[in-house]
């Protein structure tokens, strides 16, 4: 489909960061014929210490998608926040988009306001409860000021979780919708041709950000009791060194660094089943976990902590565990009940094929492009 519509994206992370919704949605829309413009966040002095600027997953060029690099000699400050907001607004004037999609919680607020008064469609896509991740003054400013401005003035609000939806829907009813996360089209395509391979391996591969919203203590405790099963943990994050040091005492637990997106399908296919040990807290109750969806795309059964959003999207397509003992029990069950593992894996794959893929997600966003 060819179209002359221009979509401008204001994301919080670099184009070559981990492949999240921020990158997958513009790539799919560009392949569908839209002209998409991705504004890399403004690089400032000292930003190399900020993880969101990391180039950990170099991505190929996409026809119809322009990546705009920006930099300044300023340091991180309130002035920089204002400056980036102004630059984003100048980009709107320069590129004259038909739709603006903002996922940056801080630096899209001025653009949102001006788009409202110009009757230009601004979609605020809320992919997590950011104020629970960043508890600094910036997070508080977002929670009490910016979040409410976005709710009032954005043309549409899209959220990945029911909890986020309830908040925004309480402030505004029109054009507020849940659009859950999905799996990279490249991963889905690769896995489609490999489903079934390696399903009886004796390893579990966990791929994710090594942060404290996962209960890694629980994982270590479980695999201590399963010496016949190997746990490979891939990723980077604040807990990397701590986990690597702890793994020295375990023959069956290995901590690896970051892995590029192209190698993820092979790891997913080799995993016996998926494990998602989320801590039971407010943040995880409002996060749509991509890790769960990736396991499902590989037709893998999953054991997960029963947090609110996992229950909402998972239903009866996975096993739930809320303690070391129950995770261990469910892991042993999936090791030996291959019929159950196969059935759960197929149920998860159907969810990916139905809605948790970026063709479906893009189509849901496109409805806002054409509403009167």
Protein backbone atom coordinates (compact mmCIF):
# COMPACT_ATOMS: atom_id res chain seq x y z
CA UNK A 1 0.00 0.00 0.00
CA UNK A 2 1.41 3.38 -0.99
CA UNK A 3 0.37 6.52 0.88
CA UNK A 4 1.59 10.10 1.04
CA UNK A 5 1.01 10.30 4.80
CA UNK A 6 4.00 11.25 6.96
CA UNK A 7 4.35 9.83 10.49
CA UNK A 8 6.79 11.51 12.90
CA UNK A 9 8.05 9.48 15.88
CA UNK A 10 9.43 11.02 19.08
CA UNK A 11 10.96 8.08 21.02
CA UNK A 12 13.03 7.96 24.24
CA UNK A 13 15.67 5.51 22.92
CA UNK A 14 18.19 5.39 20.08
CA UNK A 15 17.21 3.59 16.87
CA UNK A 16 19.91 0.98 17.47
CA UNK A 17 18.87 0.30 21.08
CA UNK A 18 17.17 -2.95 22.06
CA UNK A 19 14.32 -3.64 19.59
CA UNK A 20 11.19 -2.45 21.35
CA UNK A 21 7.89 -1.02 20.19
CA UNK A 22 9.61 2.34 19.62
CA UNK A 23 11.51 0.85 16.67
CA UNK A 24 9.24 -1.98 15.50
CA UNK A 25 6.13 0.15 14.87
CA UNK A 26 7.79 2.74 12.55
CA UNK A 27 9.60 -0.03 10.67
CA UNK A 28 6.36 -1.90 9.96
CA UNK A 29 4.46 1.26 8.99
CA UNK A 30 7.28 2.22 6.62
CA UNK A 31 7.11 -1.20 4.97
CA UNK A 32 3.37 -0.65 4.55
CA UNK A 33 4.01 2.49 2.52
CA UNK A 34 4.00 5.33 5.05
CA UNK A 35 6.83 7.85 5.14
CA UNK A 36 8.15 7.52 8.70
CA UNK A 37 10.63 9.80 10.46
CA UNK A 38 12.35 8.63 13.66
CA UNK A 39 13.86 11.41 15.79
CA UNK A 40 16.71 9.93 17.78
CA UNK A 41 16.77 11.47 21.27
CA UNK A 42 19.04 14.47 21.57
CA UNK A 43 22.59 13.42 22.46
CA UNK A 44 24.14 15.65 25.11
CA UNK A 45 27.48 15.82 26.89
CA UNK A 46 27.70 12.81 29.19
CA UNK A 47 24.88 10.86 27.51
CA UNK A 48 27.22 7.93 26.84
CA UNK A 49 26.54 6.94 30.45
CA UNK A 50 22.80 6.71 29.76
CA UNK A 51 21.77 3.22 28.64
CA UNK A 52 19.02 4.44 26.29
CA UNK A 53 21.66 5.85 23.92
CA UNK A 54 23.47 2.51 23.61
CA UNK A 55 23.87 1.03 20.12
CA UNK A 56 23.47 -2.57 21.24
CA UNK A 57 21.44 -3.80 18.27
CA UNK A 58 22.44 -2.28 14.91
CA UNK A 59 19.40 -2.30 12.63
CA UNK A 60 19.28 -2.40 8.83
CA UNK A 61 17.95 0.50 6.77
CA UNK A 62 14.22 0.41 6.04
CA UNK A 63 12.84 1.92 2.83
CA UNK A 64 10.57 4.84 3.66
CA UNK A 65 12.04 5.34 7.15
CA UNK A 66 14.41 8.22 7.92
CA UNK A 67 16.52 8.22 11.10
CA UNK A 68 17.39 11.72 12.31
CA UNK A 69 20.45 12.11 14.56
CA UNK A 70 20.68 15.14 16.84
CA UNK A 71 23.30 16.34 19.31
CA UNK A 72 24.22 19.30 21.49
CA UNK A 73 27.13 20.38 23.67
CA UNK A 74 24.77 21.07 26.60
CA UNK A 75 24.76 18.81 29.64
CA UNK A 76 21.71 17.15 31.16
CA UNK A 77 19.58 19.79 32.87
CA UNK A 78 16.13 21.32 32.99
CA UNK A 79 17.27 23.65 30.23
CA UNK A 80 18.12 20.60 28.07
CA UNK A 81 14.60 19.27 28.67
CA UNK A 82 13.16 22.55 27.38
CA UNK A 83 15.61 22.68 24.48
CA UNK A 84 14.75 19.18 23.25
CA UNK A 85 11.04 19.98 23.44
CA UNK A 86 11.66 23.03 21.24
CA UNK A 87 13.72 20.97 18.77
CA UNK A 88 10.91 18.41 18.55
CA UNK A 89 8.45 21.15 17.75
CA UNK A 90 10.80 22.54 15.08
CA UNK A 91 10.90 19.04 13.57
CA UNK A 92 7.10 19.11 13.31
CA UNK A 93 7.31 22.37 11.37
CA UNK A 94 10.14 21.04 9.18
CA UNK A 95 8.64 17.67 8.24
CA UNK A 96 4.95 18.67 8.30
CA UNK A 97 3.68 15.23 9.42
CA UNK A 98 0.10 14.04 9.25
CA UNK A 99 0.46 12.18 12.58
CA UNK A 100 2.92 12.44 15.46
CA UNK A 101 3.47 9.43 17.75
CA UNK A 102 5.27 10.19 21.00
CA UNK A 103 6.64 7.56 23.37
CA UNK A 104 9.10 9.87 25.13
CA UNK A 105 7.48 10.68 28.45
CA UNK A 106 9.31 13.99 28.95
CA UNK A 107 10.31 15.55 25.66
CA UNK A 108 7.12 15.33 23.63
CA UNK A 109 4.90 17.47 25.84
CA UNK A 110 5.36 20.77 23.98
CA UNK A 111 4.75 19.00 20.68
CA UNK A 112 1.56 17.50 22.11
CA UNK A 113 0.26 20.93 23.17
CA UNK A 114 1.04 22.65 19.87
CA UNK A 115 -0.36 19.74 17.83
CA UNK A 116 -3.59 20.07 19.83
CA UNK A 117 -3.98 23.74 18.99
CA UNK A 118 -3.08 23.13 15.34
CA UNK A 119 -5.54 20.20 15.16
CA UNK A 120 -2.70 17.86 14.24
CA UNK A 121 -3.05 14.27 15.44
CA UNK A 122 -0.68 13.52 18.32
CA UNK A 123 -0.78 9.96 19.71
CA UNK A 124 0.78 9.43 23.13
CA UNK A 125 1.85 5.78 23.29
CA UNK A 126 2.41 4.75 26.92
CA UNK A 127 4.50 1.59 27.09
CA UNK A 128 5.17 1.50 30.84
CA UNK A 129 4.55 3.36 34.09
CA UNK A 130 7.67 5.41 33.63
CA UNK A 131 7.36 7.20 36.97
CA UNK A 132 7.82 3.82 38.68
CA UNK A 133 11.07 3.24 36.76
CA UNK A 134 12.49 6.73 37.26
CA UNK A 135 11.73 7.82 40.82
CA UNK A 136 13.80 11.01 40.50
CA UNK A 137 12.38 14.53 40.31
CA UNK A 138 11.91 14.01 36.55
CA UNK A 139 9.69 10.98 37.20
CA UNK A 140 7.62 12.94 39.71
CA UNK A 141 7.28 15.84 37.25
CA UNK A 142 6.01 13.41 34.63
CA UNK A 143 3.52 11.82 37.03
CA UNK A 144 1.97 14.99 38.43
CA UNK A 145 2.28 17.39 35.50
CA UNK A 146 3.17 15.94 32.09
CA UNK A 147 1.02 12.80 32.32
CA UNK A 148 -2.07 14.90 33.02
CA UNK A 149 -1.27 17.31 30.20
CA UNK A 150 -0.92 14.43 27.76
CA UNK A 151 -4.21 12.96 28.94
CA UNK A 152 -5.96 16.26 28.35
CA UNK A 153 -4.45 17.38 25.04
CA UNK A 154 -3.30 14.32 23.05
CA UNK A 155 -5.55 13.33 20.15
CA UNK A 156 -5.28 9.68 21.24
CA UNK A 157 -3.79 7.72 24.13
CA UNK A 158 -2.60 4.17 23.55
CA UNK A 159 -1.42 1.99 26.42
CA UNK A 160 0.09 -1.48 26.61
CA UNK A 161 -1.63 -2.47 29.86
CA UNK A 162 -5.09 -2.42 31.39
CA UNK A 163 -3.85 -0.57 34.48
CA UNK A 164 -2.50 2.28 32.36
CA UNK A 165 -5.71 2.28 30.33
CA UNK A 166 -7.84 2.68 33.48
CA UNK A 167 -5.83 5.71 34.55
CA UNK A 168 -6.08 7.56 31.23
CA UNK A 169 -9.67 6.47 30.64
CA UNK A 170 -10.62 8.04 33.99
CA UNK A 171 -9.35 11.40 32.69
CA UNK A 172 -10.62 11.12 29.12
CA UNK A 173 -12.92 8.71 27.29
CA UNK A 174 -12.36 9.50 23.63
CA UNK A 175 -9.62 7.74 21.66
CA UNK A 176 -8.14 5.91 24.65
CA UNK A 177 -7.26 2.31 23.88
CA UNK A 178 -5.16 -0.67 24.91
CA UNK A 179 -2.77 -1.82 22.19
CA UNK A 180 -0.65 -4.57 23.68
CA UNK A 181 2.99 -5.27 22.86
CA UNK A 182 4.06 -7.72 20.18
CA UNK A 183 7.04 -9.58 18.76
CA UNK A 184 9.53 -8.35 16.18
CA UNK A 185 8.44 -9.34 12.63
CA UNK A 186 11.94 -10.69 11.98
CA UNK A 187 11.71 -12.99 15.00
CA UNK A 188 8.21 -14.17 14.04
CA UNK A 189 9.31 -14.88 10.46
CA UNK A 190 12.41 -16.83 11.52
CA UNK A 191 10.57 -18.83 14.16
CA UNK A 192 7.73 -19.69 11.78
CA UNK A 193 10.14 -21.85 9.78
CA UNK A 194 11.74 -23.43 12.84
CA UNK A 195 8.86 -24.30 15.20
CA UNK A 196 9.39 -27.70 16.77
CA UNK A 197 13.18 -27.79 16.60
CA UNK A 198 15.00 -28.26 19.90
CA UNK A 199 11.86 -28.53 21.99
CA UNK A 200 13.30 -31.35 24.09
CA UNK A 201 16.62 -29.64 24.88
CA UNK A 202 17.85 -29.42 28.45
CA UNK A 203 18.35 -25.66 28.64
CA UNK A 204 16.28 -22.61 29.48
CA UNK A 205 17.31 -19.32 27.86
CA UNK A 206 16.29 -16.07 29.54
CA UNK A 207 16.82 -12.92 27.43
CA UNK A 208 16.10 -9.56 28.95
CA UNK A 209 17.22 -6.44 30.75
CA UNK A 210 19.04 -7.44 33.93
CA UNK A 211 17.13 -5.22 36.34
CA UNK A 212 15.51 -5.71 39.70
CA UNK A 213 11.98 -6.12 38.38
CA UNK A 214 12.92 -9.79 37.72
CA UNK A 215 13.38 -12.15 40.67
CA UNK A 216 16.79 -13.59 39.82
CA UNK A 217 17.17 -14.94 43.37
CA UNK A 218 14.20 -17.19 42.66
CA UNK A 219 15.75 -18.39 39.39
CA UNK A 220 18.99 -19.31 41.12
CA UNK A 221 17.11 -21.16 43.86
CA UNK A 222 15.06 -23.13 41.32
CA UNK A 223 17.98 -24.16 39.13
CA UNK A 224 20.00 -25.19 42.15
CA UNK A 225 17.42 -27.98 42.48
CA UNK A 226 17.52 -28.79 38.74
CA UNK A 227 21.16 -29.68 38.02
CA UNK A 228 20.13 -31.55 34.87
CA UNK A 229 18.79 -28.32 33.35
CA UNK A 230 21.02 -25.42 32.20
CA UNK A 231 19.98 -21.79 32.65
CA UNK A 232 21.49 -19.22 30.25
CA UNK A 233 20.83 -15.56 31.07
CA UNK A 234 21.46 -13.06 28.26
CA UNK A 235 21.39 -9.30 28.54
CA UNK A 236 22.82 -6.21 30.17
CA UNK A 237 21.70 -4.07 33.06
CA UNK A 238 22.56 -2.93 36.58
CA UNK A 239 22.57 -6.51 37.92
CA UNK A 240 24.93 -7.98 35.32
CA UNK A 241 28.11 -8.09 37.42
CA UNK A 242 26.25 -9.25 40.52
CA UNK A 243 24.63 -12.12 38.63
CA UNK A 244 27.87 -13.07 36.94
CA UNK A 245 29.66 -13.25 40.29
CA UNK A 246 26.91 -15.34 41.83
CA UNK A 247 26.81 -17.78 38.92
CA UNK A 248 30.39 -18.88 39.66
CA UNK A 249 29.04 -21.26 42.29
CA UNK A 250 26.60 -22.91 39.87
CA UNK A 251 27.71 -25.39 37.20
CA UNK A 252 24.37 -25.10 35.36
CA UNK A 253 23.86 -21.29 35.38
CA UNK A 254 25.68 -19.06 32.89
CA UNK A 255 25.48 -15.26 32.57
CA UNK A 256 26.11 -13.91 29.08
CA UNK A 257 26.23 -10.32 27.88
CA UNK A 258 24.03 -8.62 25.34
CA UNK A 259 22.95 -10.58 22.28
CA UNK A 260 21.92 -9.05 18.96
CA UNK A 261 18.36 -9.50 17.80
CA UNK A 262 19.31 -11.78 14.90
CA UNK A 263 20.50 -14.49 17.31
CA UNK A 264 17.43 -14.49 19.56
CA UNK A 265 15.27 -16.92 17.50
CA UNK A 266 17.86 -19.70 17.78
CA UNK A 267 18.00 -19.27 21.55
CA UNK A 268 14.22 -19.27 21.83
CA UNK A 269 13.98 -22.48 19.82
CA UNK A 270 16.59 -24.20 21.97
CA UNK A 271 14.87 -23.35 25.25
CA UNK A 272 12.89 -26.19 26.80
CA UNK A 273 10.27 -23.81 28.17
CA UNK A 274 10.07 -20.15 29.19
CA UNK A 275 10.39 -18.72 32.68
CA UNK A 276 9.20 -15.24 33.65
CA UNK A 277 9.97 -14.66 37.36
CA UNK A 278 8.55 -11.17 37.81
CA UNK A 279 8.50 -9.56 41.21
CA UNK A 280 4.97 -8.92 42.38
CA UNK A 281 4.82 -5.12 42.44
CA UNK A 282 3.01 -2.11 40.96
CA UNK A 283 5.40 -1.77 38.02
CA UNK A 284 5.02 -5.36 36.83
CA UNK A 285 1.26 -5.18 37.26
CA UNK A 286 1.20 -2.49 34.56
CA UNK A 287 3.80 -3.86 32.13
CA UNK A 288 3.07 -6.00 29.07
CA UNK A 289 6.11 -8.35 29.06
CA UNK A 290 7.79 -8.82 25.69
CA UNK A 291 9.68 -11.85 27.04
CA UNK A 292 6.42 -13.77 27.42
CA UNK A 293 5.46 -12.97 23.83
CA UNK A 294 8.84 -14.07 22.47
CA UNK A 295 8.53 -17.46 24.18
CA UNK A 296 5.05 -17.83 22.71
CA UNK A 297 6.30 -16.95 19.23
CA UNK A 298 8.60 -19.97 19.53
CA UNK A 299 5.64 -22.16 20.65
CA UNK A 300 7.12 -22.56 24.12
CA UNK A 301 5.18 -23.22 27.29
CA UNK A 302 5.80 -20.55 29.94
CA UNK A 303 5.86 -20.42 33.74
CA UNK A 304 5.23 -16.88 35.01
CA UNK A 305 4.50 -14.95 38.16
CA UNK A 306 0.76 -14.13 38.26
CA UNK A 307 1.01 -10.34 38.03
CA UNK A 308 -2.05 -8.50 36.71
CA UNK A 309 -1.02 -7.88 33.10
CA UNK A 310 0.37 -11.40 32.59
CA UNK A 311 -2.92 -12.84 33.82
CA UNK A 312 -4.91 -10.51 31.52
CA UNK A 313 -3.11 -11.45 28.33
CA UNK A 314 -2.07 -14.97 29.30
CA UNK A 315 -5.32 -16.46 30.60
CA UNK A 316 -5.02 -20.24 30.62
CA UNK A 317 -2.21 -20.31 28.02
CA UNK A 318 0.55 -20.55 30.61
CA UNK A 319 1.37 -21.90 34.07
CA UNK A 320 1.48 -19.59 37.07
CA UNK A 321 3.84 -19.80 40.04
CA UNK A 322 4.30 -17.40 42.93
CA UNK A 323 7.05 -19.06 44.99
CA UNK A 324 10.27 -21.01 44.69
CA UNK A 325 8.39 -24.24 45.40
CA UNK A 326 5.68 -23.63 42.81
CA UNK A 327 8.19 -22.59 40.10
CA UNK A 328 10.16 -25.75 40.82
CA UNK A 329 7.00 -27.89 40.69
CA UNK A 330 5.88 -26.38 37.36
CA UNK A 331 9.38 -26.70 35.87
CA UNK A 332 9.50 -30.41 36.70
CA UNK A 333 5.98 -30.80 35.29
CA UNK A 334 6.96 -29.30 31.93
CA UNK A 335 10.17 -31.33 31.82
CA UNK A 336 8.28 -34.60 31.86
CA UNK A 337 4.78 -33.78 30.56
CA UNK A 338 5.67 -33.00 26.94
CA UNK A 339 2.03 -33.16 25.85
CA UNK A 340 1.15 -30.33 28.25
CA UNK A 341 4.19 -28.32 27.14
CA UNK A 342 3.24 -28.73 23.46
CA UNK A 343 -0.39 -27.76 24.11
CA UNK A 344 0.53 -24.60 26.03
CA UNK A 345 3.10 -23.65 23.40
CA UNK A 346 0.50 -23.88 20.64
CA UNK A 347 -1.97 -21.80 22.66
CA UNK A 348 0.65 -19.10 23.07
CA UNK A 349 1.51 -19.14 19.37
CA UNK A 350 -2.15 -18.58 18.48
CA UNK A 351 -2.11 -15.42 20.62
CA UNK A 352 0.92 -14.16 18.69
CA UNK A 353 -0.72 -14.89 15.36
CA UNK A 354 -3.97 -13.25 16.47
CA UNK A 355 -2.93 -9.93 18.00
CA UNK A 356 0.56 -9.82 19.53
CA UNK A 357 2.38 -9.10 16.26
CA UNK A 358 3.31 -5.79 14.67
CA UNK A 359 1.14 -6.16 11.58
CA UNK A 360 -1.88 -6.25 13.92
CA UNK A 361 -0.47 -3.50 16.13
CA UNK A 362 0.22 -1.23 13.15
CA UNK A 363 -3.32 -1.77 11.86
CA UNK A 364 -4.72 -0.68 15.24
CA UNK A 365 -2.67 2.53 15.14
CA UNK A 366 -3.73 3.20 11.56
CA UNK A 367 -7.35 3.44 12.66
CA UNK A 368 -6.43 6.74 14.36
CA UNK A 369 -4.91 8.04 11.13
CA UNK A 370 -8.24 7.95 9.30
CA UNK A 371 -10.83 8.78 11.98
CA UNK A 372 -12.87 11.91 11.14
